[in-house]
Amino acid sequence: MTKFGWENTAGMEIEGMDRPLNNDVKELEALRYDNAKLKKINRTLVQRIENGLGNYSGAYGSFESAVILTEKVKERTLQLQQALNELEKAKGKAEHANLTKTKFLAAVSHDLLQPMSAARLFTTALQELDLPPEAMKLVNSLNYSMEDVESLVSTLVDICKLDAGVVKPDITSVNINTLLQYLADEFRQQANLAGLRLRFVPSNAMIATDCQLLARILRNLLSNAIRYTDQGDILLGCRRHQEGLMIQVWDTGVGIPQDKLTEIFLEFKRLPNEHSRGAKGLGLGLSIVDKISRILGNQIYVRSTLGKGSVFSILVPYGQQTEPHTKSLATQQPELTNPVAQKRILVIDNETSICAGMETLLSGWGATVQTAIGIHEVDASQLQATPPDLVIVDYHLDNDETGIDAAIQLREWLGASLRVLMITANRTQDLKRQVRELGFHLLNKPIKLHKLKSMLRFLLN
């Protein structure tokens, strides 16, 4: 036995030592191999990702691009939303400015039209007198100038209102014969002065439309027909179609080139001046026709041949039949040169110049005229003793009084059958609807002689 007592162990196996040693080595080698394999795989993946190579490079690139694109979309969406908010604010400001401009122009136009209307009444009264040729020439020139100013002011106001979107149609069932007869009477004298013959074909059709807006379209078409026709006829009539009533204005005028048929409806577009009669205007008449027809939802058609004439048509849907078919009013009643002869007319207007001008004009036509600047100046007992055949009243009166209030008071005194003609520069739909519901009639300023005569003939006969 050695010092440590191990001698007897030489060459002997120690139990349990051989197997653990071999297993640890194998497991360690296996771990080293797996680690090296994972490193190799990791290097390969990293290299593929960095270099964009391999089978997965397209998918990863798309994924990476999608992530970047998503971020950009979020950023652009936020910017777009901010821009839309700014645009909405700017739109609101623009709409408010348009409405403010429209109200301002309407107010200014009313203030302008009041003295111009008075002046026109006086010039019209002068035209009715037997004046020397030189004096009559001056009066006619003055009257034409006043007409041009009135036309320009009313046209500009109409364009502003149409562009601002404040004009809304008031659709009702309308007897087209009443409207066409009124327009024929209104423009017949104007056509005669131009050496033309205006013919009117009656119809008993009922249409669904805004009567005043449709009348504005037809007035512009008739005015253009007279302006661009040197000789021949103007025809106002209509044809029945399955889709609706086709209202037409025919002329034998200079015609329109085919390549200009669409341009004539643009603003400030008109035929060369040498082809037109009278004032050249702004070239807005057919633009207004186009804008109003869009508001009404009606289609405008035009056919023309150079040197032979044109035909403008508007297709209007049929309305409900509210009254039995009758003969045309145009065939029932003869046209009167003096529709107010021997009639009693009460005129109420807060402008003394308007009252004086209307009295001068109507008296010259043979009427007995009484004027007042408000209902407070009217003697009820005297009025009941000699009731008027017609009341002509301005809508805007003093002391917050309106022509509606005055007319209602007069009907309480004289009965519901009293004829009332409301004259105003106010073109709102609410007023138009109120006047119609009360059974009154409406005439918008500026008042033209042929329009006033036509309305008086319609009301008094």
Protein backbone atom coordinates (compact mmCIF):
# COMPACT_ATOMS: atom_id res chain seq x y z
CA MET A 1 0.00 0.00 0.00
CA THR A 2 1.39 3.32 -0.96
CA LYS A 3 1.38 6.40 1.02
CA PHE A 4 -2.06 7.26 -0.16
CA GLY A 5 -3.38 3.74 -0.20
CA TRP A 6 -4.07 3.72 -4.00
CA GLU A 7 -1.70 1.10 -5.05
CA ASN A 8 -4.32 -1.53 -5.27
CA THR A 9 -6.32 0.49 -7.69
CA ALA A 10 -3.90 0.49 -10.56
CA GLY A 11 -5.34 -1.01 -13.75
CA MET A 12 -8.75 -1.10 -12.25
CA GLU A 13 -11.87 0.61 -13.84
CA ILE A 14 -13.70 3.08 -11.77
CA GLU A 15 -17.39 2.26 -11.94
CA GLY A 16 -19.67 4.89 -13.56
CA MET A 17 -16.89 7.13 -15.06
CA ASP A 18 -16.64 5.94 -18.67
CA ARG A 19 -20.27 6.52 -19.89
CA PRO A 20 -20.82 10.09 -18.58
CA LEU A 21 -17.62 11.29 -20.17
CA ASN A 22 -18.49 9.93 -23.60
CA ASN A 23 -22.11 11.36 -23.51
CA ASP A 24 -20.98 14.87 -22.59
CA VAL A 25 -18.51 14.92 -25.45
CA LYS A 26 -21.14 13.78 -27.92
CA GLU A 27 -23.69 16.27 -26.69
CA LEU A 28 -21.09 19.03 -26.79
CA GLU A 29 -20.20 18.16 -30.37
CA ALA A 30 -23.84 18.04 -31.30
CA LEU A 31 -24.39 21.48 -29.78
CA ARG A 32 -21.36 22.85 -31.57
CA TYR A 33 -22.63 21.40 -34.84
CA ASP A 34 -26.14 22.82 -34.30
CA ASN A 35 -24.68 26.17 -33.33
CA ALA A 36 -22.51 26.29 -36.41
CA LYS A 37 -25.47 25.29 -38.54
CA LEU A 38 -27.67 28.00 -37.03
CA LYS A 39 -24.93 30.58 -37.52
CA LYS A 40 -24.60 29.54 -41.13
CA ILE A 41 -28.37 29.75 -41.63
CA ASN A 42 -28.48 33.09 -39.88
CA ARG A 43 -25.63 34.44 -42.03
CA THR A 44 -27.38 33.21 -45.12
CA LEU A 45 -30.69 34.80 -44.13
CA VAL A 46 -29.04 38.05 -43.20
CA GLN A 47 -27.11 38.06 -46.48
CA ARG A 48 -30.29 37.35 -48.43
CA ILE A 49 -32.21 40.06 -46.61
CA GLU A 50 -29.42 42.58 -47.04
CA ASN A 51 -28.77 41.77 -50.67
CA GLY A 52 -32.44 41.23 -51.58
CA LEU A 53 -31.60 37.83 -53.09
CA GLY A 54 -33.17 34.44 -52.83
CA ASN A 55 -36.69 33.15 -53.06
CA TYR A 56 -37.94 35.36 -50.26
CA SER A 57 -36.47 38.67 -51.44
CA GLY A 58 -39.59 39.69 -53.50
CA ALA A 59 -41.99 38.97 -50.65
CA TYR A 60 -39.87 40.79 -48.15
CA GLY A 61 -39.35 43.72 -50.48
CA SER A 62 -43.10 43.92 -51.04
CA PHE A 63 -43.73 43.75 -47.35
CA GLU A 64 -41.16 46.46 -46.66
CA SER A 65 -42.62 48.64 -49.46
CA ALA A 66 -46.13 48.06 -48.12
CA VAL A 67 -45.07 49.21 -44.67
CA ILE A 68 -43.45 52.35 -46.08
CA LEU A 69 -46.42 52.98 -48.37
CA THR A 70 -48.85 52.60 -45.49
CA GLU A 71 -47.00 55.23 -43.55
CA LYS A 72 -47.02 57.53 -46.55
CA VAL A 73 -50.74 56.92 -47.08
CA LYS A 74 -51.42 57.82 -43.47
CA GLU A 75 -49.38 60.99 -43.87
CA ARG A 76 -51.06 61.92 -47.18
CA THR A 77 -54.51 61.12 -45.77
CA LEU A 78 -53.89 63.47 -42.88
CA GLN A 79 -52.68 66.17 -45.25
CA LEU A 80 -55.67 65.59 -47.54
CA GLN A 81 -58.07 65.81 -44.61
CA GLN A 82 -56.50 69.08 -43.56
CA ALA A 83 -56.74 70.36 -47.14
CA LEU A 84 -60.40 69.31 -47.33
CA ASN A 85 -61.12 71.12 -44.10
CA GLU A 86 -59.46 74.24 -45.46
CA LEU A 87 -61.35 73.84 -48.73
CA GLU A 88 -64.64 73.48 -46.87
CA LYS A 89 -63.92 76.63 -44.93
CA ALA A 90 -62.97 78.47 -48.13
CA LYS A 91 -66.13 77.17 -49.84
CA GLY A 92 -68.24 78.40 -46.95
CA LYS A 93 -66.61 81.81 -47.13
CA ALA A 94 -67.12 81.93 -50.92
CA GLU A 95 -70.78 80.94 -50.62
CA HIS A 96 -71.31 83.54 -47.92
CA ALA A 97 -69.58 86.14 -50.09
CA ASN A 98 -71.78 85.15 -53.05
CA LEU A 99 -74.94 85.45 -51.00
CA THR A 100 -73.79 88.76 -49.57
CA LYS A 101 -72.97 90.00 -53.06
CA THR A 102 -76.36 88.84 -54.33
CA LYS A 103 -78.20 90.57 -51.49
CA PHE A 104 -76.15 93.71 -52.02
CA LEU A 105 -76.84 93.75 -55.77
CA ALA A 106 -80.52 93.08 -55.17
CA ALA A 107 -80.71 96.00 -52.73
CA VAL A 108 -78.69 98.29 -54.99
CA SER A 109 -80.70 97.27 -58.03
CA HIS A 110 -83.93 98.10 -56.18
CA ASP A 111 -82.61 101.54 -55.25
CA LEU A 112 -81.42 102.08 -58.82
CA LEU A 113 -84.58 100.81 -60.43
CA GLN A 114 -86.87 103.05 -58.39
CA PRO A 115 -85.76 106.37 -59.94
CA MET A 116 -85.22 104.71 -63.32
CA SER A 117 -88.75 103.33 -63.23
CA ALA A 118 -90.10 106.80 -62.49
CA ALA A 119 -88.07 108.27 -65.35
CA ARG A 120 -89.31 105.55 -67.71
CA LEU A 121 -92.91 106.28 -66.78
CA PHE A 122 -92.43 109.94 -67.61
CA THR A 123 -90.64 109.21 -70.91
CA THR A 124 -93.38 106.74 -71.83
CA ALA A 125 -95.99 109.37 -71.06
CA LEU A 126 -94.11 111.83 -73.25
CA GLN A 127 -94.08 109.29 -76.08
CA GLU A 128 -97.87 109.19 -75.90
CA LEU A 129 -98.10 112.96 -76.55
CA ASP A 130 -98.26 114.62 -79.93
CA LEU A 131 -94.83 116.23 -79.81
CA PRO A 132 -92.86 117.92 -82.60
CA PRO A 133 -90.61 115.49 -84.53
CA GLU A 134 -87.37 116.82 -83.04
CA ALA A 135 -88.73 116.61 -79.49
CA MET A 136 -90.08 113.10 -80.11
CA LYS A 137 -86.70 112.02 -81.45
CA LEU A 138 -85.04 113.18 -78.22
CA VAL A 139 -87.68 111.46 -76.08
CA ASN A 140 -87.24 108.20 -78.00
CA SER A 141 -83.46 108.36 -77.61
CA LEU A 142 -83.84 108.97 -73.88
CA ASN A 143 -86.27 106.07 -73.62
CA TYR A 144 -83.91 103.69 -75.45
CA SER A 145 -81.06 104.68 -73.15
CA MET A 146 -83.21 104.04 -70.08
CA GLU A 147 -84.17 100.65 -71.48
CA ASP A 148 -80.52 99.72 -71.97
CA VAL A 149 -79.61 100.69 -68.39
CA GLU A 150 -82.57 98.79 -66.94
CA SER A 151 -81.78 95.75 -69.04
CA LEU A 152 -78.12 95.72 -67.97
CA VAL A 153 -78.94 96.10 -64.27
CA SER A 154 -81.63 93.40 -64.25
CA THR A 155 -79.48 91.02 -66.32
CA LEU A 156 -76.47 91.36 -64.03
CA VAL A 157 -78.63 90.80 -60.95
CA ASP A 158 -80.19 87.71 -62.56
CA ILE A 159 -76.77 86.25 -63.45
CA CYS A 160 -75.51 86.79 -59.89
CA LYS A 161 -78.59 85.10 -58.42
CA LEU A 162 -78.39 82.16 -60.82
CA ASP A 163 -74.67 81.65 -60.16
CA ALA A 164 -75.18 81.92 -56.40
CA GLY A 165 -77.79 79.13 -56.52
CA VAL A 166 -80.43 81.17 -54.71
CA VAL A 167 -83.03 80.77 -57.48
CA LYS A 168 -85.28 77.79 -56.73
CA PRO A 169 -88.14 76.73 -59.02
CA ASP A 170 -91.72 76.84 -57.78
CA ILE A 171 -93.33 74.12 -59.90
CA THR A 172 -97.10 74.32 -60.43
CA SER A 173 -99.59 73.29 -63.11
CA VAL A 174 -99.85 76.09 -65.67
CA ASN A 175 -102.20 76.60 -68.59
CA ILE A 176 -99.72 77.28 -71.37
CA ASN A 177 -102.32 79.21 -73.38
CA THR A 178 -102.55 81.95 -70.73
CA LEU A 179 -98.78 82.37 -70.66
CA LEU A 180 -98.33 82.32 -74.44
CA GLN A 181 -101.16 84.78 -75.02
CA TYR A 182 -99.68 87.16 -72.45
CA LEU A 183 -96.25 86.97 -74.08
CA ALA A 184 -97.71 87.39 -77.56
CA ASP A 185 -99.53 90.55 -76.47
CA GLU A 186 -96.37 91.80 -74.79
CA PHE A 187 -94.11 91.40 -77.84
CA ARG A 188 -96.58 92.07 -80.65
CA GLN A 189 -96.09 95.84 -80.50
CA GLN A 190 -92.31 95.44 -80.33
CA ALA A 191 -92.42 93.20 -83.41
CA ASN A 192 -94.68 95.67 -85.25
CA LEU A 193 -92.26 98.51 -84.57
CA ALA A 194 -89.51 96.37 -86.11
CA GLY A 195 -91.63 95.77 -89.22
CA LEU A 196 -92.26 92.13 -88.32
CA ARG A 197 -95.40 90.08 -87.81
CA LEU A 198 -95.70 88.05 -84.62
CA ARG A 199 -98.04 85.07 -84.85
CA PHE A 200 -99.32 83.08 -81.88
CA VAL A 201 -100.71 79.53 -82.05
CA PRO A 202 -103.03 78.82 -79.06
CA SER A 203 -102.91 75.60 -77.05
CA ASN A 204 -104.89 74.24 -74.10
CA ALA A 205 -102.12 71.99 -72.76
CA MET A 206 -101.30 72.01 -69.06
CA ILE A 207 -97.62 71.96 -68.10
CA ALA A 208 -95.70 71.56 -64.85
CA THR A 209 -93.26 74.46 -64.50
CA ASP A 210 -92.32 77.65 -62.74
CA CYS A 211 -94.37 80.14 -64.74
CA GLN A 212 -92.11 83.15 -64.15
CA LEU A 213 -88.88 81.31 -64.91
CA LEU A 214 -90.35 79.81 -68.07
CA ALA A 215 -91.65 83.25 -69.09
CA ARG A 216 -88.12 84.63 -68.63
CA ILE A 217 -86.77 81.98 -71.02
CA LEU A 218 -89.41 82.72 -73.65
CA ARG A 219 -88.95 86.48 -73.31
CA ASN A 220 -85.24 86.16 -74.03
CA LEU A 221 -85.93 83.91 -77.03
CA LEU A 222 -88.55 86.31 -78.41
CA SER A 223 -86.27 89.31 -77.88
CA ASN A 224 -83.46 87.57 -79.75
CA ALA A 225 -85.81 86.53 -82.55
CA ILE A 226 -86.89 90.15 -83.08
CA ARG A 227 -83.35 91.47 -82.75
CA TYR A 228 -81.88 89.12 -85.38
CA THR A 229 -84.76 89.20 -87.88
CA ASP A 230 -84.82 91.89 -90.56
CA GLN A 231 -88.06 90.88 -92.24
CA GLY A 232 -90.70 88.18 -92.08
CA ASP A 233 -92.44 86.49 -89.18
CA ILE A 234 -91.94 85.48 -85.57
CA LEU A 235 -93.98 82.43 -84.55
CA LEU A 236 -94.76 81.46 -80.95
CA GLY A 237 -96.42 78.08 -80.48
CA CYS A 238 -96.00 74.54 -79.24
CA ARG A 239 -96.18 70.90 -80.32
CA ARG A 240 -97.34 67.92 -78.28
CA HIS A 241 -94.87 65.09 -77.75
CA GLN A 242 -95.10 61.95 -75.66
CA GLU A 243 -92.34 63.21 -73.35
CA GLY A 244 -93.91 66.65 -72.89
CA LEU A 245 -94.91 69.89 -74.59
CA MET A 246 -92.37 71.39 -76.99
CA ILE A 247 -92.68 75.19 -76.78
CA GLN A 248 -91.09 76.86 -79.80
CA VAL A 249 -90.02 80.28 -81.06
CA TRP A 250 -89.52 80.43 -84.85
CA ASP A 251 -88.01 83.32 -86.80
CA THR A 252 -87.04 84.13 -90.37
CA GLY A 253 -83.85 85.87 -89.34
CA VAL A 254 -80.18 85.74 -90.27
CA GLY A 255 -79.64 82.26 -88.84
CA ILE A 256 -76.71 80.86 -86.86
CA PRO A 257 -73.64 79.02 -88.22
CA GLN A 258 -73.62 75.34 -87.29
CA ASP A 259 -70.29 75.64 -85.49
CA LYS A 260 -71.74 78.39 -83.27
CA LEU A 261 -74.89 76.59 -82.09
CA THR A 262 -73.31 75.56 -78.78
CA GLU A 263 -71.21 78.70 -78.28
CA ILE A 264 -74.24 81.01 -78.28
CA PHE A 265 -75.25 79.68 -74.85
CA LEU A 266 -71.92 80.75 -73.30
CA GLU A 267 -71.64 83.99 -71.36
CA PHE A 268 -70.69 87.11 -73.35
CA LYS A 269 -71.13 85.28 -76.66
CA ARG A 270 -73.26 86.89 -79.34
CA LEU A 271 -73.54 87.07 -83.11
CA PRO A 272 -71.67 89.84 -84.96
CA ASN A 273 -73.17 93.27 -84.30
CA GLU A 274 -74.06 93.90 -87.93
CA HIS A 275 -76.67 91.15 -87.74
CA SER A 276 -78.54 92.58 -84.75
CA ARG A 277 -81.13 95.33 -84.36
CA GLY A 278 -80.98 97.85 -81.51
CA ALA A 279 -78.79 97.58 -78.42
CA LYS A 280 -76.06 94.97 -78.65
CA GLY A 281 -76.34 93.96 -74.97
CA LEU A 282 -73.87 91.85 -73.01
CA GLY A 283 -74.37 88.52 -74.73
CA LEU A 284 -75.98 87.07 -71.60
CA GLY A 285 -79.52 86.42 -72.84
CA LEU A 286 -79.00 82.83 -74.02
CA SER A 287 -76.67 82.16 -71.10
CA ILE A 288 -79.57 83.02 -68.79
CA VAL A 289 -81.83 80.78 -70.89
CA ASP A 290 -79.40 77.89 -70.42
CA LYS A 291 -79.02 78.46 -66.67
CA ILE A 292 -82.77 78.72 -66.04
CA SER A 293 -83.53 75.66 -68.18
CA ARG A 294 -81.05 73.66 -66.07
CA ILE A 295 -82.76 74.87 -62.89
CA LEU A 296 -86.14 73.78 -64.31
CA GLY A 297 -84.69 70.50 -65.61
CA ASN A 298 -85.87 71.28 -69.16
CA GLN A 299 -83.95 70.58 -72.35
CA ILE A 300 -83.26 73.36 -74.88
CA TYR A 301 -83.01 72.53 -78.59
CA VAL A 302 -81.95 74.79 -81.46
CA ARG A 303 -82.01 74.39 -85.25
CA SER A 304 -80.86 77.07 -87.65
CA THR A 305 -80.08 77.72 -91.31
CA LEU A 306 -77.99 80.70 -92.36
CA GLY A 307 -80.06 83.27 -94.19
CA LYS A 308 -83.36 81.47 -93.48
CA GLY A 309 -83.93 81.58 -89.74
CA SER A 310 -83.84 79.65 -86.48
CA VAL A 311 -86.12 77.73 -84.15
CA PHE A 312 -85.51 77.47 -80.40
CA SER A 313 -87.47 74.82 -78.49
CA ILE A 314 -87.86 73.92 -74.84
CA LEU A 315 -89.38 70.60 -73.74
CA VAL A 316 -91.61 70.98 -70.65
CA PRO A 317 -93.39 68.10 -68.85
CA TYR A 318 -97.17 67.99 -68.80
CA GLY A 319 -99.05 69.12 -65.70
CA GLN A 320 -102.35 68.12 -64.16
CA GLN A 321 -105.50 69.33 -65.86
CA THR A 322 -107.07 71.74 -63.38
CA GLU A 323 -109.64 73.44 -65.58
CA PRO A 324 -111.79 72.44 -68.55
CA HIS A 325 -110.60 73.10 -72.08
CA THR A 326 -111.76 76.48 -73.31
CA LYS A 327 -111.27 78.53 -76.39
CA SER A 328 -108.14 80.60 -76.52
CA LEU A 329 -108.43 83.94 -74.76
CA ALA A 330 -106.79 85.41 -77.83
CA THR A 331 -109.81 84.40 -79.92
CA GLN A 332 -112.34 85.43 -77.27
CA GLN A 333 -111.15 89.01 -76.78
CA PRO A 334 -110.01 91.61 -79.30
CA GLU A 335 -106.70 93.33 -78.70
CA LEU A 336 -107.28 96.79 -77.26
CA THR A 337 -104.89 99.68 -77.82
CA ASN A 338 -106.09 101.33 -74.62
CA PRO A 339 -106.78 98.60 -72.05
CA VAL A 340 -107.43 101.07 -69.20
CA ALA A 341 -109.76 103.51 -70.98
CA GLN A 342 -112.55 104.65 -68.61
CA LYS A 343 -111.21 102.45 -65.78
CA ARG A 344 -110.63 103.49 -62.18
CA ILE A 345 -107.16 102.63 -60.91
CA LEU A 346 -105.68 103.11 -57.44
CA VAL A 347 -101.87 103.38 -57.30
CA ILE A 348 -100.05 102.92 -53.98
CA ASP A 349 -96.29 103.56 -53.87
CA ASN A 350 -94.03 105.13 -51.26
CA GLU A 351 -92.15 107.01 -54.01
CA THR A 352 -94.02 110.17 -55.00
CA SER A 353 -92.18 110.21 -58.32
CA ILE A 354 -93.51 106.74 -59.14
CA CYS A 355 -97.05 107.82 -58.21
CA ALA A 356 -96.75 110.94 -60.37
CA GLY A 357 -95.31 109.02 -63.31
CA MET A 358 -97.95 106.29 -63.12
CA GLU A 359 -100.73 108.87 -62.86
CA THR A 360 -99.41 110.75 -65.89
CA LEU A 361 -99.10 107.56 -67.95
CA LEU A 362 -102.43 105.95 -67.03
CA SER A 363 -104.35 109.20 -67.27
CA GLY A 364 -102.95 109.63 -70.75
CA TRP A 365 -104.44 106.24 -71.58
CA GLY A 366 -107.86 107.42 -70.43
CA ALA A 367 -108.00 106.04 -66.89
CA THR A 368 -109.14 107.80 -63.73
CA VAL A 369 -106.18 107.51 -61.36
CA GLN A 370 -105.96 107.96 -57.59
CA THR A 371 -102.57 107.76 -55.86
CA ALA A 372 -101.41 107.23 -52.28
CA ILE A 373 -98.03 106.69 -50.63
CA GLY A 374 -99.53 104.20 -48.17
CA ILE A 375 -102.77 102.63 -47.00
CA HIS A 376 -103.08 105.37 -44.37
CA GLU A 377 -103.75 107.90 -47.14
CA VAL A 378 -106.68 105.92 -48.54
CA ASP A 379 -110.20 106.91 -47.45
CA ALA A 380 -112.13 103.67 -47.01
CA SER A 381 -115.62 105.23 -47.25
CA GLN A 382 -114.73 107.19 -50.38
CA LEU A 383 -113.16 104.10 -51.93
CA GLN A 384 -116.27 102.02 -51.19
CA ALA A 385 -118.44 104.68 -52.83
CA THR A 386 -116.38 104.57 -56.04
CA PRO A 387 -114.42 101.29 -55.96
CA PRO A 388 -111.45 100.94 -58.32
CA ASP A 389 -111.31 98.41 -61.14
CA LEU A 390 -107.67 97.70 -60.33
CA VAL A 391 -105.13 98.39 -57.59
CA ILE A 392 -101.46 98.77 -58.54
CA VAL A 393 -99.32 98.59 -55.42
CA ASP A 394 -95.56 98.50 -54.82
CA TYR A 395 -94.35 95.75 -52.47
CA HIS A 396 -91.88 97.89 -50.49
CA LEU A 397 -93.73 100.63 -48.60
CA ASP A 398 -92.74 102.79 -45.64
CA ASN A 399 -92.95 102.04 -41.91
CA ASP A 400 -92.39 98.28 -42.35
CA GLU A 401 -95.59 98.09 -44.39
CA THR A 402 -95.74 95.93 -47.50
CA GLY A 403 -97.96 95.96 -50.53
CA ILE A 404 -99.31 92.61 -49.36
CA ASP A 405 -100.59 94.23 -46.16
CA ALA A 406 -102.13 97.11 -48.09
CA ALA A 407 -103.82 94.83 -50.62
CA ILE A 408 -105.29 92.59 -47.92
CA GLN A 409 -106.70 95.66 -46.16
CA LEU A 410 -108.23 96.90 -49.43
CA ARG A 411 -109.87 93.54 -50.06
CA GLU A 412 -111.38 93.64 -46.59
CA TRP A 413 -112.96 96.97 -47.54
CA LEU A 414 -113.95 96.20 -51.12
CA GLY A 415 -114.32 92.43 -51.36
CA ALA A 416 -112.18 89.48 -52.44
CA SER A 417 -112.85 90.07 -56.14
CA LEU A 418 -110.69 93.21 -56.17
CA ARG A 419 -107.97 92.90 -58.83
CA VAL A 420 -104.48 93.57 -57.45
CA LEU A 421 -101.26 94.03 -59.42
CA MET A 422 -98.12 93.86 -57.27
CA ILE A 423 -95.07 95.65 -58.68
CA THR A 424 -91.66 94.97 -57.17
CA ALA A 425 -87.96 94.39 -57.78
CA ASN A 426 -88.12 91.55 -55.25
CA ARG A 427 -87.82 88.23 -57.14
CA THR A 428 -87.81 85.78 -54.24
CA GLN A 429 -89.77 82.56 -54.49
CA ASP A 430 -91.50 83.17 -51.16
CA LEU A 431 -93.00 86.43 -52.37
CA LYS A 432 -94.03 84.93 -55.68
CA ARG A 433 -95.74 82.03 -53.92
CA GLN A 434 -97.49 84.36 -51.46
CA VAL A 435 -98.76 86.61 -54.24
CA ARG A 436 -100.10 83.62 -56.18
CA GLU A 437 -101.83 82.10 -53.15
CA LEU A 438 -103.58 85.41 -52.43
CA GLY A 439 -104.83 85.63 -56.00
CA PHE A 440 -102.77 88.74 -56.81
CA HIS A 441 -100.71 89.26 -59.95
CA LEU A 442 -97.01 90.10 -60.01
CA LEU A 443 -94.97 92.35 -62.28
CA ASN A 444 -91.24 92.69 -61.68
CA LYS A 445 -89.29 95.86 -62.15
CA PRO A 446 -88.05 97.25 -64.46
CA ILE A 447 -91.49 97.82 -65.99
CA LYS A 448 -91.62 97.98 -69.77
CA LEU A 449 -94.45 99.65 -71.61
CA HIS A 450 -95.53 96.61 -73.64
CA LYS A 451 -95.31 94.37 -70.58
CA LEU A 452 -97.45 96.74 -68.50
CA LYS A 453 -100.03 97.11 -71.27
CA SER A 454 -100.22 93.35 -71.73
CA MET A 455 -100.77 92.81 -68.00
CA LEU A 456 -103.42 95.54 -67.78
CA ARG A 457 -105.22 94.12 -70.80
CA PHE A 458 -105.16 90.68 -69.20
CA LEU A 459 -106.49 91.94 -65.85
CA LEU A 460 -109.10 94.45 -67.02
CA ASN A 461 -110.66 92.47 -69.87
